[in-house]
Amino acid sequence: MANNLPKLPSLPKIKTVNACECGCGGRTGNRFVPGHDAKLAGLIKRVTLGVMTLDDVADYGGDSVAKATAKAMGLTWERTMEATGTDN
């Protein structure tokens, strides 16, 4: 018995867009914008070795980058009042 069913039309592939996991806010179809996995790894090494603090990372890339670095290290981070220079 011959298969007389018509072919189904091809459907466009749905590509998901995610936020870059380094905290930069970039959009990507993967976990990281190209090169940002290495940037995050470098920041983790600097914090682990004591070359930078998470507050230094925030000054370099913003609070979201510091939070992403801390998260990748299994830590939590919030900017301290001393780091912001506010008295409130």
Protein backbone atom coordinates (compact mmCIF):
# COMPACT_ATOMS: atom_id res chain seq x y z
CA MET A 1 0.00 0.00 0.00
CA ALA A 2 1.47 3.33 -1.08
CA ASN A 3 1.74 6.27 1.29
CA ASN A 4 -0.45 8.93 -0.31
CA LEU A 5 -0.28 11.44 2.52
CA PRO A 6 0.89 14.92 1.51
CA LYS A 7 4.18 16.14 2.98
CA LEU A 8 3.97 18.44 5.95
CA PRO A 9 5.34 21.94 5.44
CA SER A 10 8.70 22.59 7.06
CA LEU A 11 8.43 24.74 10.14
CA PRO A 12 10.98 27.38 11.04
CA LYS A 13 13.24 26.42 13.91
CA ILE A 14 12.55 28.41 17.03
CA LYS A 15 15.77 29.73 18.48
CA THR A 16 15.70 30.72 22.11
CA VAL A 17 17.51 33.87 23.15
CA ASN A 18 19.03 33.98 26.62
CA ALA A 19 20.79 36.59 28.69
CA CYS A 20 24.57 36.11 28.79
CA GLU A 21 25.51 34.37 32.03
CA CYS A 22 28.47 36.69 32.66
CA GLY A 23 26.02 39.41 33.71
CA CYS A 24 26.77 41.82 30.86
CA GLY A 25 23.14 41.86 29.70
CA GLY A 26 24.03 40.70 26.20
CA ARG A 27 21.65 38.41 24.33
CA THR A 28 22.77 35.05 22.96
CA GLY A 29 21.43 31.75 21.72
CA ASN A 30 23.86 29.98 24.05
CA ARG A 31 24.97 30.50 27.65
CA PHE A 32 27.51 33.22 26.86
CA VAL A 33 28.17 35.87 24.24
CA PRO A 34 31.37 34.74 22.44
CA GLY A 35 34.39 35.36 24.70
CA HIS A 36 32.39 36.16 27.81
CA ASP A 37 32.89 32.70 29.32
CA ALA A 38 36.62 33.47 29.36
CA LYS A 39 35.95 36.92 30.82
CA LEU A 40 33.94 35.37 33.66
CA ALA A 41 36.61 32.71 34.23
CA GLY A 42 39.26 35.43 34.46
CA LEU A 43 37.22 37.37 37.01
CA ILE A 44 36.69 34.22 39.09
CA LYS A 45 40.46 33.56 39.08
CA ARG A 46 41.22 37.14 40.12
CA VAL A 47 38.75 37.00 43.04
CA THR A 48 39.92 33.53 44.10
CA LEU A 49 43.58 34.63 44.09
CA GLY A 50 42.78 37.83 45.99
CA VAL A 51 43.82 40.12 43.12
CA MET A 52 40.31 41.63 43.03
CA THR A 53 37.34 41.73 45.39
CA LEU A 54 33.74 41.38 44.26
CA ASP A 55 33.40 45.13 44.85
CA ASP A 56 36.32 45.63 42.42
CA VAL A 57 34.49 43.40 39.91
CA ALA A 58 31.39 45.59 40.33
CA ASP A 59 33.46 48.71 39.69
CA TYR A 60 34.86 47.03 36.56
CA GLY A 61 31.70 45.58 35.03
CA GLY A 62 28.76 46.67 37.14
CA ASP A 63 26.73 45.04 39.87
CA SER A 64 25.25 42.41 37.54
CA VAL A 65 28.72 41.17 36.57
CA ALA A 66 29.73 40.98 40.25
CA LYS A 67 26.55 39.02 41.05
CA ALA A 68 27.20 36.62 38.15
CA THR A 69 30.80 36.14 39.31
CA ALA A 70 29.68 35.46 42.86
CA LYS A 71 26.97 33.06 41.64
CA ALA A 72 29.50 31.14 39.54
CA MET A 73 31.66 30.85 42.67
CA GLY A 74 28.72 29.62 44.77
CA LEU A 75 28.51 32.89 46.70
CA THR A 76 26.01 35.70 47.03
CA TRP A 77 26.97 39.34 46.74
CA GLU A 78 25.33 42.70 47.40
CA ARG A 79 27.17 45.99 47.14
CA THR A 80 28.01 47.28 50.61
CA MET A 81 27.31 50.83 51.69
CA GLU A 82 31.03 51.43 52.10
CA ALA A 83 31.59 50.40 48.49
CA THR A 84 28.94 52.78 47.17
CA GLY A 85 30.22 55.69 49.24
CA THR A 86 26.77 56.41 50.70
CA ASP A 87 26.01 57.04 54.34
CA ASN A 88 22.34 55.96 54.24
